[in-house]
C-alpha atoms as a PDB file:
ATOM      1  CA  MET A   1      17.166  13.087  -7.852  1.00  0.00           C
ATOM      2  CA  ALA A   2      17.018  12.021  -4.169  1.00  0.00           C
ATOM      3  CA  PRO A   3      18.227   8.521  -3.443  1.00  0.00           C
ATOM      4  CA  LEU A   4      15.637   5.806  -3.529  1.00  0.00           C
ATOM      5  CA  ARG A   5      14.268   4.740  -0.201  1.00  0.00           C
ATOM      6  CA  THR A   6      14.359   1.014   0.072  1.00  0.00           C
ATOM      7  CA  ALA A   7      13.821  -1.745   2.546  1.00  0.00           C
ATOM      8  CA  ASP A   8      15.951  -4.836   2.438  1.00  0.00           C
ATOM      9  CA  VAL A   9      13.688  -7.977   2.529  1.00  0.00           C
ATOM     10  CA  PRO A  10      14.653 -11.636   2.425  1.00  0.00           C
ATOM     11  CA  ARG A  11      14.136 -12.964  -1.052  1.00  0.00           C
ATOM     12  CA  GLY A  12      12.097 -15.888   0.219  1.00  0.00           C
ATOM     13  CA  ARG A  13       9.506 -13.409   1.436  1.00  0.00           C
ATOM     14  CA  ALA A  14       8.506 -12.446  -2.180  1.00  0.00           C
ATOM     15  CA  ILE A  15       5.853 -15.053  -2.087  1.00  0.00           C
ATOM     16  CA  VAL A  16       4.127 -13.117   0.663  1.00  0.00           C
ATOM     17  CA  TYR A  17       3.727 -10.093  -1.475  1.00  0.00           C
ATOM     18  CA  LEU A  18       2.492 -12.227  -4.409  1.00  0.00           C
ATOM     19  CA  ARG A  19      -0.218 -13.897  -2.350  1.00  0.00           C
ATOM     20  CA  ARG A  20      -1.243 -10.574  -1.179  1.00  0.00           C
ATOM     21  CA  ALA A  21      -1.600  -9.275  -4.630  1.00  0.00           C
ATOM     22  CA  GLU A  22      -3.608 -12.554  -5.624  1.00  0.00           C
ATOM     23  CA  GLN A  23      -5.993 -12.076  -2.721  1.00  0.00           C
ATOM     24  CA  LEU A  24      -6.446  -8.382  -3.762  1.00  0.00           C
ATOM     25  CA  MET A  25      -7.331  -9.510  -7.232  1.00  0.00           C
ATOM     26  CA  LYS A  26     -10.080 -11.577  -5.839  1.00  0.00           C
ATOM     27  CA  ALA A  27     -11.428  -8.390  -4.340  1.00  0.00           C
ATOM     28  CA  VAL A  28     -11.146  -6.844  -7.702  1.00  0.00           C
ATOM     29  CA  ASP A  29     -13.083  -9.518  -9.380  1.00  0.00           C
ATOM     30  CA  TRP A  30     -15.827  -9.455  -6.613  1.00  0.00           C
ATOM     31  CA  GLY A  31     -16.053  -5.617  -6.996  1.00  0.00           C
ATOM     32  CA  ILE A  32     -16.666  -5.844 -10.729  1.00  0.00           C
ATOM     33  CA  GLU A  33     -19.091  -8.672 -10.328  1.00  0.00           C
ATOM     34  CA  GLN A  34     -21.132  -6.594  -7.850  1.00  0.00           C
ATOM     35  CA  GLY A  35     -20.904  -3.426  -9.588  1.00  0.00           C
ATOM     36  CA  HIS A  36     -18.637  -1.829  -7.035  1.00  0.00           C
ATOM     37  CA  ALA A  37     -16.290  -0.008  -9.327  1.00  0.00           C
ATOM     38  CA  SER A  38     -14.364   1.767  -6.559  1.00  0.00           C
ATOM     39  CA  VAL A  39     -13.692  -1.493  -4.537  1.00  0.00           C
ATOM     40  CA  ALA A  40     -12.421  -2.958  -7.753  1.00  0.00           C
ATOM     41  CA  ALA A  41     -10.264  -0.015  -8.884  1.00  0.00           C
ATOM     42  CA  VAL A  42      -8.647   0.676  -5.555  1.00  0.00           C
ATOM     43  CA  ASN A  43      -7.858  -3.060  -4.976  1.00  0.00           C
ATOM     44  CA  ALA A  44      -6.436  -3.334  -8.615  1.00  0.00           C
ATOM     45  CA  VAL A  45      -3.939  -0.417  -7.640  1.00  0.00           C
ATOM     46  CA  GLN A  46      -2.957  -2.136  -4.447  1.00  0.00           C
ATOM     47  CA  ALA A  47      -2.671  -5.549  -6.150  1.00  0.00           C
ATOM     48  CA  SER A  48      -0.281  -4.106  -8.579  1.00  0.00           C
ATOM     49  CA  ILE A  49       1.903  -2.419  -5.898  1.00  0.00           C
ATOM     50  CA  SER A  50       2.054  -5.781  -4.066  1.00  0.00           C
ATOM     51  CA  ALA A  51       2.902  -7.605  -7.149  1.00  0.00           C
ATOM     52  CA  VAL A  52       5.807  -5.420  -7.948  1.00  0.00           C
ATOM     53  CA  ASP A  53       7.151  -5.658  -4.417  1.00  0.00           C
ATOM     54  CA  ALA A  54       7.105  -9.466  -4.924  1.00  0.00           C
ATOM     55  CA  PHE A  55       9.102  -9.108  -8.140  1.00  0.00           C
ATOM     56  CA  LEU A  56      11.508  -6.714  -6.490  1.00  0.00           C
ATOM     57  CA  VAL A  57      12.061  -8.764  -3.494  1.00  0.00           C
ATOM     58  CA  HIS A  58      12.476 -11.818  -5.536  1.00  0.00           C
ATOM     59  CA  HIS A  59      15.145 -10.329  -7.968  1.00  0.00           C
ATOM     60  CA  LEU A  60      16.748  -7.612  -5.646  1.00  0.00           C
ATOM     61  CA  GLY A  61      16.063  -8.604  -2.107  1.00  0.00           C
ATOM     62  CA  LYS A  62      14.582  -5.082  -1.504  1.00  0.00           C
ATOM     63  CA  ARG A  63      11.369  -2.986  -2.173  1.00  0.00           C
ATOM     64  CA  SER A  64      10.579   0.621  -2.245  1.00  0.00           C
ATOM     65  CA  ARG A  65       9.620   2.121   1.025  1.00  0.00           C
ATOM     66  CA  GLY A  66       8.987   5.617  -0.335  1.00  0.00           C
ATOM     67  CA  THR A  67       5.708   7.292  -0.265  1.00  0.00           C
ATOM     68  CA  ASP A  68       5.689   7.703  -4.085  1.00  0.00           C
ATOM     69  CA  HIS A  69       5.172   4.399  -5.668  1.00  0.00           C
ATOM     70  CA  ARG A  70       6.788   5.429  -8.860  1.00  0.00           C
ATOM     71  CA  GLU A  71      10.049   4.956  -7.132  1.00  0.00           C
ATOM     72  CA  SER A  72       9.321   1.238  -7.822  1.00  0.00           C
ATOM     73  CA  LEU A  73       9.757   1.941 -11.450  1.00  0.00           C
ATOM     74  CA  ASN A  74      13.241   3.086 -10.876  1.00  0.00           C
ATOM     75  CA  LEU A  75      14.023   0.012  -8.855  1.00  0.00           C
ATOM     76  CA  LEU A  76      12.629  -2.179 -11.658  1.00  0.00           C
ATOM     77  CA  ALA A  77      15.304  -0.887 -13.889  1.00  0.00           C
ATOM     78  CA  SER A  78      17.884  -2.548 -11.662  1.00  0.00           C
ATOM     79  CA  ALA A  79      16.421  -6.110 -12.111  1.00  0.00           C
ATOM     80  CA  SER A  80      17.980  -8.242 -14.598  1.00  0.00           C
ATOM     81  CA  SER A  81      14.713 -10.051 -15.744  1.00  0.00           C
ATOM     82  CA  PRO A  82      13.477  -9.325 -19.186  1.00  0.00           C
ATOM     83  CA  ALA A  83      10.006  -9.178 -17.611  1.00  0.00           C
ATOM     84  CA  ARG A  84      10.770  -5.822 -15.840  1.00  0.00           C
ATOM     85  CA  ARG A  85       9.658  -3.876 -18.824  1.00  0.00           C
ATOM     86  CA  ALA A  86       6.288  -5.341 -19.107  1.00  0.00           C
ATOM     87  CA  ILE A  87       5.909  -5.023 -15.399  1.00  0.00           C
ATOM     88  CA  GLY A  88       6.944  -1.509 -15.518  1.00  0.00           C
ATOM     89  CA  GLN A  89       4.520  -0.654 -18.266  1.00  0.00           C
ATOM     90  CA  HIS A  90       1.536  -2.109 -16.460  1.00  0.00           C
ATOM     91  CA  LEU A  91       2.599  -0.493 -13.230  1.00  0.00           C
ATOM     92  CA  GLN A  92       2.856   2.935 -14.917  1.00  0.00           C
ATOM     93  CA  ARG A  93      -0.622   2.699 -16.465  1.00  0.00           C
ATOM     94  CA  VAL A  94      -2.004   1.818 -13.061  1.00  0.00           C
ATOM     95  CA  LEU A  95      -0.221   4.505 -11.177  1.00  0.00           C
ATOM     96  CA  ASP A  96      -1.242   7.059 -13.770  1.00  0.00           C
ATOM     97  CA  ARG A  97      -4.835   6.360 -12.580  1.00  0.00           C
ATOM     98  CA  LYS A  98      -4.166   5.876  -8.816  1.00  0.00           C
ATOM     99  CA  ASN A  99      -4.784   9.305  -7.590  1.00  0.00           C
ATOM    100  CA  GLU A 100      -7.896   9.727  -9.734  1.00  0.00           C
ATOM    101  CA  VAL A 101      -9.624   6.506  -8.484  1.00  0.00           C
ATOM    102  CA  GLU A 102      -8.404   6.774  -4.793  1.00  0.00           C
ATOM    103  CA  TYR A 103      -8.688  10.504  -4.049  1.00  0.00           C
ATOM    104  CA  LEU A 104     -10.559  12.658  -6.623  1.00  0.00           C
ATOM    105  CA  ASP A 105     -14.132  13.699  -6.264  1.00  0.00           C
ATOM    106  CA  ARG A 106     -15.149  11.851  -9.467  1.00  0.00           C
ATOM    107  CA  ALA A 107     -17.202   8.530  -9.533  1.00  0.00           C
ATOM    108  CA  VAL A 108     -15.153   5.665 -10.527  1.00  0.00           C
ATOM    109  CA  THR A 109     -16.905   3.753 -13.467  1.00  0.00           C
ATOM    110  CA  LEU A 110     -16.908   0.043 -14.098  1.00  0.00           C
ATOM    111  CA  GLY A 111     -15.025   0.970 -17.299  1.00  0.00           C
ATOM    112  CA  ASP A 112     -12.319   2.364 -15.120  1.00  0.00           C
ATOM    113  CA  ALA A 113     -12.294  -0.603 -12.957  1.00  0.00           C
ATOM    114  CA  ASN A 114     -12.106  -3.010 -15.906  1.00  0.00           C
ATOM    115  CA  GLU A 115      -9.200  -1.070 -17.306  1.00  0.00           C
ATOM    116  CA  LEU A 116      -7.272  -1.070 -14.073  1.00  0.00           C
ATOM    117  CA  ALA A 117      -8.102  -4.710 -13.525  1.00  0.00           C
ATOM    118  CA  LYS A 118      -6.769  -5.658 -16.926  1.00  0.00           C
ATOM    119  CA  HIS A 119      -3.321  -4.101 -16.114  1.00  0.00           C
ATOM    120  CA  ALA A 120      -3.332  -5.444 -12.598  1.00  0.00           C
ATOM    121  CA  ARG A 121      -4.055  -9.042 -13.735  1.00  0.00           C
ATOM    122  CA  ARG A 122      -1.400  -8.968 -16.310  1.00  0.00           C
ATOM    123  CA  LEU A 123       1.078  -7.589 -13.910  1.00  0.00           C
ATOM    124  CA  VAL A 124       0.200 -10.215 -11.202  1.00  0.00           C
ATOM    125  CA  ASP A 125       0.287 -13.053 -13.885  1.00  0.00           C
ATOM    126  CA  THR A 126       3.713 -11.935 -15.042  1.00  0.00           C
ATOM    127  CA  VAL A 127       5.096 -11.624 -11.503  1.00  0.00           C
ATOM    128  CA  ARG A 128       3.631 -15.180 -10.663  1.00  0.00           C
ATOM    129  CA  ASN A 129       5.370 -16.620 -13.710  1.00  0.00           C
ATOM    130  CA  GLU A 130       8.646 -15.109 -12.619  1.00  0.00           C
ATOM    131  CA  LEU A 131       8.291 -16.427  -9.078  1.00  0.00           C
ATOM    132  CA  GLU A 132       6.957 -19.934  -9.865  1.00  0.00           C
ATOM    133  CA  GLY A 133       8.454 -20.451 -13.303  1.00  0.00           C
END
């Protein structure tokens, strides 16, 4: 396996990624309320990625800079927090659907959006508890 591509980030900057994830979750909620499933789904993916960046910066002082967001799953294994497992599971579920909701020629349904929102919300909440707890 190729070495992970990472960027060093001062740990204090983790809050920037968390706040970004929280703002993206507001767009998720708006998209669902308005019936804009694609808006909600894509923002749920991006919120999840930002939340994981917050977690990694907080615990490791680095984040993935690779083009494959699955590299973050490998970085998660390096964190000592017990929350890394739950975070990894939610990220995996979101990433499993990323290509489908962002690039394929299939309509994204509100069911898709709600499923992604559920995992993104749990992920963001877990990371918030880690950073603020």
